[in-house]
């Protein structure tokens, strides 16, 4: 188990990116959240198995068809266990 924290840059707001991340994270049985940030980036915090987090990381770099991802900055660490599901934060 690990925790992933990612900041995604590019055209990632207003293109279904958060819903895409939530759907994929739920499919991968991850917990955490995704949100838009005021600077135009998207932030993701996810916890789960290493294989699932690695798969999510690849999906973050791809994004949904309407998105254009320029960069994904990722850090990892130990999980906190504070989440019970994966949600979009407002």
N, C-alpha and C. Protein backbone atom coordinates (compact mmCIF):
# COMPACT_ATOMS: atom_id res chain seq x y z
N UNK A 1 0.84 -1.19 0.00
CA UNK A 1 0.00 0.00 0.00
C UNK A 1 0.88 1.25 0.00
N UNK A 2 0.43 2.23 -0.79
CA UNK A 2 1.13 3.51 -0.89
C UNK A 2 0.13 4.64 -1.04
N UNK A 3 0.66 5.84 -0.96
CA UNK A 3 -0.11 7.06 -1.20
C UNK A 3 0.56 7.80 -2.36
N UNK A 4 -0.25 8.24 -3.31
CA UNK A 4 0.22 9.01 -4.46
C UNK A 4 -0.39 10.40 -4.38
N UNK A 5 0.45 11.40 -4.60
CA UNK A 5 -0.01 12.79 -4.68
C UNK A 5 0.46 13.32 -6.03
N UNK A 6 -0.48 13.82 -6.84
CA UNK A 6 -0.12 14.27 -8.18
C UNK A 6 -0.71 15.64 -8.47
N UNK A 7 0.04 16.44 -9.21
CA UNK A 7 -0.42 17.71 -9.76
C UNK A 7 -0.32 17.57 -11.27
N UNK A 8 -1.45 17.79 -11.94
CA UNK A 8 -1.52 17.61 -13.39
C UNK A 8 -1.68 18.97 -14.04
N UNK A 9 -0.79 19.28 -15.00
CA UNK A 9 -0.82 20.54 -15.72
C UNK A 9 -1.24 20.31 -17.17
N UNK A 10 -1.83 21.33 -17.76
CA UNK A 10 -2.28 21.28 -19.14
C UNK A 10 -3.72 21.73 -19.24
N UNK A 11 -4.40 21.32 -20.30
CA UNK A 11 -5.83 21.62 -20.42
C UNK A 11 -6.57 20.48 -19.74
N UNK A 12 -6.75 20.63 -18.43
CA UNK A 12 -7.31 19.56 -17.61
C UNK A 12 -8.54 19.99 -16.81
N UNK A 13 -8.93 21.23 -16.94
CA UNK A 13 -10.16 21.69 -16.29
C UNK A 13 -11.22 21.95 -17.35
N UNK A 14 -12.46 21.55 -17.04
CA UNK A 14 -13.56 21.78 -17.96
C UNK A 14 -13.62 20.79 -19.10
N UNK A 15 -12.90 19.66 -18.98
CA UNK A 15 -12.87 18.66 -20.04
C UNK A 15 -13.21 17.26 -19.52
N UNK A 16 -13.77 17.16 -18.31
CA UNK A 16 -14.15 15.87 -17.75
C UNK A 16 -13.00 15.13 -17.07
N UNK A 17 -11.91 15.83 -16.81
CA UNK A 17 -10.74 15.17 -16.24
C UNK A 17 -11.01 14.61 -14.85
N UNK A 18 -11.67 15.39 -13.98
CA UNK A 18 -11.94 14.92 -12.62
C UNK A 18 -12.82 13.68 -12.63
N UNK A 19 -13.86 13.69 -13.46
CA UNK A 19 -14.75 12.53 -13.54
C UNK A 19 -14.00 11.31 -14.07
N UNK A 20 -13.14 11.53 -15.05
CA UNK A 20 -12.30 10.46 -15.59
C UNK A 20 -11.43 9.85 -14.49
N UNK A 21 -10.78 10.70 -13.70
CA UNK A 21 -9.91 10.21 -12.62
C UNK A 21 -10.74 9.45 -11.59
N UNK A 22 -11.87 10.00 -11.20
CA UNK A 22 -12.72 9.33 -10.20
C UNK A 22 -13.15 7.95 -10.71
N UNK A 23 -13.62 7.88 -11.94
CA UNK A 23 -14.08 6.61 -12.51
C UNK A 23 -12.96 5.58 -12.54
N UNK A 24 -11.79 5.99 -13.01
CA UNK A 24 -10.66 5.06 -13.10
C UNK A 24 -10.16 4.65 -11.72
N UNK A 25 -10.10 5.59 -10.78
CA UNK A 25 -9.64 5.27 -9.42
C UNK A 25 -10.61 4.30 -8.75
N UNK A 26 -11.90 4.50 -8.94
CA UNK A 26 -12.88 3.58 -8.36
C UNK A 26 -12.73 2.20 -8.99
N UNK A 27 -12.53 2.15 -10.31
CA UNK A 27 -12.34 0.87 -11.01
C UNK A 27 -11.11 0.13 -10.48
N UNK A 28 -10.09 0.88 -10.10
CA UNK A 28 -8.85 0.30 -9.58
C UNK A 28 -8.90 0.06 -8.06
N UNK A 29 -10.04 0.32 -7.44
CA UNK A 29 -10.24 0.13 -5.99
C UNK A 29 -9.31 0.99 -5.15
N UNK A 30 -9.10 2.23 -5.61
CA UNK A 30 -8.29 3.19 -4.86
C UNK A 30 -9.19 4.08 -4.04
N UNK A 31 -8.64 4.67 -3.01
CA UNK A 31 -9.36 5.66 -2.21
C UNK A 31 -8.65 6.99 -2.32
N UNK A 32 -9.37 8.09 -2.05
CA UNK A 32 -8.76 9.41 -2.09
C UNK A 32 -9.67 10.43 -2.72
N UNK A 33 -9.08 11.39 -3.44
CA UNK A 33 -9.87 12.47 -4.04
C UNK A 33 -9.14 13.11 -5.21
N UNK A 34 -9.92 13.88 -5.98
CA UNK A 34 -9.40 14.68 -7.09
C UNK A 34 -10.09 16.03 -7.03
N UNK A 35 -9.37 17.12 -7.35
CA UNK A 35 -9.98 18.45 -7.33
C UNK A 35 -9.27 19.38 -8.30
N UNK A 36 -10.03 20.38 -8.76
CA UNK A 36 -9.45 21.48 -9.53
C UNK A 36 -8.78 22.43 -8.56
N UNK A 37 -7.69 23.03 -9.00
CA UNK A 37 -7.02 24.06 -8.21
C UNK A 37 -7.17 25.40 -8.91
N UNK A 38 -7.07 26.46 -8.15
CA UNK A 38 -7.27 27.82 -8.68
C UNK A 38 -6.27 28.18 -9.78
N UNK A 39 -5.11 27.53 -9.80
CA UNK A 39 -4.09 27.86 -10.80
C UNK A 39 -4.30 27.12 -12.14
N UNK A 40 -5.41 26.39 -12.27
CA UNK A 40 -5.71 25.69 -13.52
C UNK A 40 -5.23 24.25 -13.57
N UNK A 41 -4.55 23.80 -12.52
CA UNK A 41 -4.10 22.42 -12.46
C UNK A 41 -5.15 21.55 -11.78
N UNK A 42 -4.94 20.26 -11.81
CA UNK A 42 -5.78 19.31 -11.09
C UNK A 42 -4.89 18.58 -10.09
N UNK A 43 -5.41 18.36 -8.89
CA UNK A 43 -4.67 17.67 -7.84
C UNK A 43 -5.35 16.35 -7.52
N UNK A 44 -4.54 15.31 -7.33
CA UNK A 44 -5.04 13.98 -7.01
C UNK A 44 -4.29 13.44 -5.80
N UNK A 45 -5.03 12.88 -4.86
CA UNK A 45 -4.45 12.10 -3.76
C UNK A 45 -5.13 10.75 -3.81
N UNK A 46 -4.34 9.69 -3.92
CA UNK A 46 -4.90 8.34 -4.00
C UNK A 46 -4.08 7.38 -3.16
N UNK A 47 -4.77 6.43 -2.55
CA UNK A 47 -4.11 5.40 -1.77
C UNK A 47 -4.57 4.03 -2.24
N UNK A 48 -3.64 3.08 -2.22
CA UNK A 48 -3.98 1.72 -2.60
C UNK A 48 -2.75 0.90 -2.91
N UNK A 49 -2.98 -0.21 -3.61
CA UNK A 49 -1.91 -1.12 -3.98
C UNK A 49 -0.98 -0.48 -5.00
N UNK A 50 0.30 -0.81 -4.94
CA UNK A 50 1.31 -0.25 -5.84
C UNK A 50 0.95 -0.41 -7.31
N UNK A 51 0.50 -1.60 -7.70
CA UNK A 51 0.17 -1.86 -9.10
C UNK A 51 -0.96 -0.95 -9.57
N UNK A 52 -1.98 -0.79 -8.73
CA UNK A 52 -3.11 0.07 -9.08
C UNK A 52 -2.69 1.53 -9.17
N UNK A 53 -1.83 1.97 -8.26
CA UNK A 53 -1.36 3.36 -8.29
C UNK A 53 -0.49 3.62 -9.53
N UNK A 54 0.33 2.65 -9.91
CA UNK A 54 1.14 2.80 -11.12
C UNK A 54 0.25 2.90 -12.35
N UNK A 55 -0.82 2.12 -12.37
CA UNK A 55 -1.75 2.18 -13.49
C UNK A 55 -2.46 3.54 -13.51
N UNK A 56 -2.88 4.02 -12.34
CA UNK A 56 -3.51 5.35 -12.27
C UNK A 56 -2.55 6.41 -12.77
N UNK A 57 -1.30 6.32 -12.40
CA UNK A 57 -0.31 7.31 -12.84
C UNK A 57 -0.24 7.38 -14.37
N UNK A 58 -0.25 6.23 -15.03
CA UNK A 58 -0.25 6.21 -16.49
C UNK A 58 -1.52 6.84 -17.05
N UNK A 59 -2.65 6.58 -16.39
CA UNK A 59 -3.92 7.15 -16.84
C UNK A 59 -3.95 8.67 -16.64
N UNK A 60 -3.31 9.15 -15.57
CA UNK A 60 -3.23 10.60 -15.34
C UNK A 60 -2.47 11.28 -16.47
N UNK A 61 -1.45 10.64 -16.99
CA UNK A 61 -0.65 11.20 -18.08
C UNK A 61 -1.42 11.21 -19.39
N UNK A 62 -2.33 10.29 -19.55
CA UNK A 62 -3.13 10.20 -20.77
C UNK A 62 -4.33 11.15 -20.70
N UNK A 63 -5.15 11.03 -19.66
CA UNK A 63 -6.35 11.84 -19.50
C UNK A 63 -7.45 11.43 -20.46
N UNK A 64 -8.63 12.03 -20.31
CA UNK A 64 -9.73 11.75 -21.24
C UNK A 64 -9.45 12.40 -22.60
N UNK A 65 -10.24 12.06 -23.57
CA UNK A 65 -9.97 12.49 -24.95
C UNK A 65 -9.95 14.01 -25.13
N UNK A 66 -10.73 14.76 -24.38
CA UNK A 66 -10.79 16.22 -24.53
C UNK A 66 -9.65 16.93 -23.79
N UNK A 67 -8.91 16.22 -22.94
CA UNK A 67 -7.83 16.83 -22.16
C UNK A 67 -6.53 16.84 -22.96
N UNK A 68 -5.64 17.72 -22.53
CA UNK A 68 -4.29 17.77 -23.08
C UNK A 68 -3.34 17.91 -21.89
N UNK A 69 -2.73 16.82 -21.50
CA UNK A 69 -1.86 16.80 -20.32
C UNK A 69 -0.45 17.19 -20.74
N UNK A 70 0.09 18.23 -20.09
CA UNK A 70 1.45 18.68 -20.36
C UNK A 70 2.46 18.05 -19.41
N UNK A 71 2.08 17.94 -18.14
CA UNK A 71 3.01 17.42 -17.13
C UNK A 71 2.24 16.85 -15.96
N UNK A 72 2.79 15.77 -15.38
CA UNK A 72 2.25 15.18 -14.16
C UNK A 72 3.39 15.10 -13.16
N UNK A 73 3.25 15.83 -12.05
CA UNK A 73 4.25 15.79 -10.99
C UNK A 73 3.73 14.86 -9.90
N UNK A 74 4.48 13.82 -9.57
CA UNK A 74 4.02 12.80 -8.63
C UNK A 74 5.01 12.63 -7.49
N UNK A 75 4.46 12.54 -6.30
CA UNK A 75 5.23 12.11 -5.13
C UNK A 75 4.48 10.95 -4.51
N UNK A 76 5.22 10.06 -3.85
CA UNK A 76 4.59 8.93 -3.17
C UNK A 76 5.07 8.87 -1.74
N UNK A 77 4.30 8.18 -0.93
CA UNK A 77 4.65 8.03 0.47
C UNK A 77 3.79 6.96 1.10
N UNK A 78 3.87 6.86 2.41
CA UNK A 78 3.07 5.85 3.10
C UNK A 78 1.60 6.27 3.14
N UNK A 79 0.68 5.31 3.11
CA UNK A 79 -0.74 5.63 3.17
C UNK A 79 -1.14 6.05 4.59
N UNK A 80 -2.19 6.85 4.68
CA UNK A 80 -2.71 7.25 5.98
C UNK A 80 -3.94 6.45 6.36
N UNK A 81 -4.63 5.88 5.37
CA UNK A 81 -5.85 5.12 5.64
C UNK A 81 -7.04 5.99 5.97
N UNK A 82 -6.95 7.29 5.69
CA UNK A 82 -8.02 8.21 6.07
C UNK A 82 -9.23 8.20 5.14
N UNK A 83 -9.11 7.58 3.97
CA UNK A 83 -10.19 7.61 2.98
C UNK A 83 -10.93 6.27 2.94
N UNK A 84 -12.23 6.36 2.59
CA UNK A 84 -13.05 5.16 2.49
C UNK A 84 -13.52 4.92 1.07
N UNK A 85 -13.40 5.93 0.22
CA UNK A 85 -13.80 5.84 -1.18
C UNK A 85 -13.00 6.86 -1.97
N UNK A 86 -13.35 7.03 -3.25
CA UNK A 86 -12.67 8.03 -4.07
C UNK A 86 -13.70 9.03 -4.54
N UNK A 87 -13.45 10.33 -4.30
CA UNK A 87 -14.43 11.37 -4.57
C UNK A 87 -13.82 12.56 -5.31
N UNK A 88 -14.72 13.32 -5.92
CA UNK A 88 -14.36 14.63 -6.46
C UNK A 88 -14.55 15.62 -5.34
N UNK A 89 -13.52 16.40 -5.06
CA UNK A 89 -13.62 17.47 -4.05
C UNK A 89 -13.92 18.79 -4.77
N UNK A 90 -14.74 19.61 -4.16
CA UNK A 90 -15.10 20.90 -4.74
C UNK A 90 -14.41 22.01 -4.03
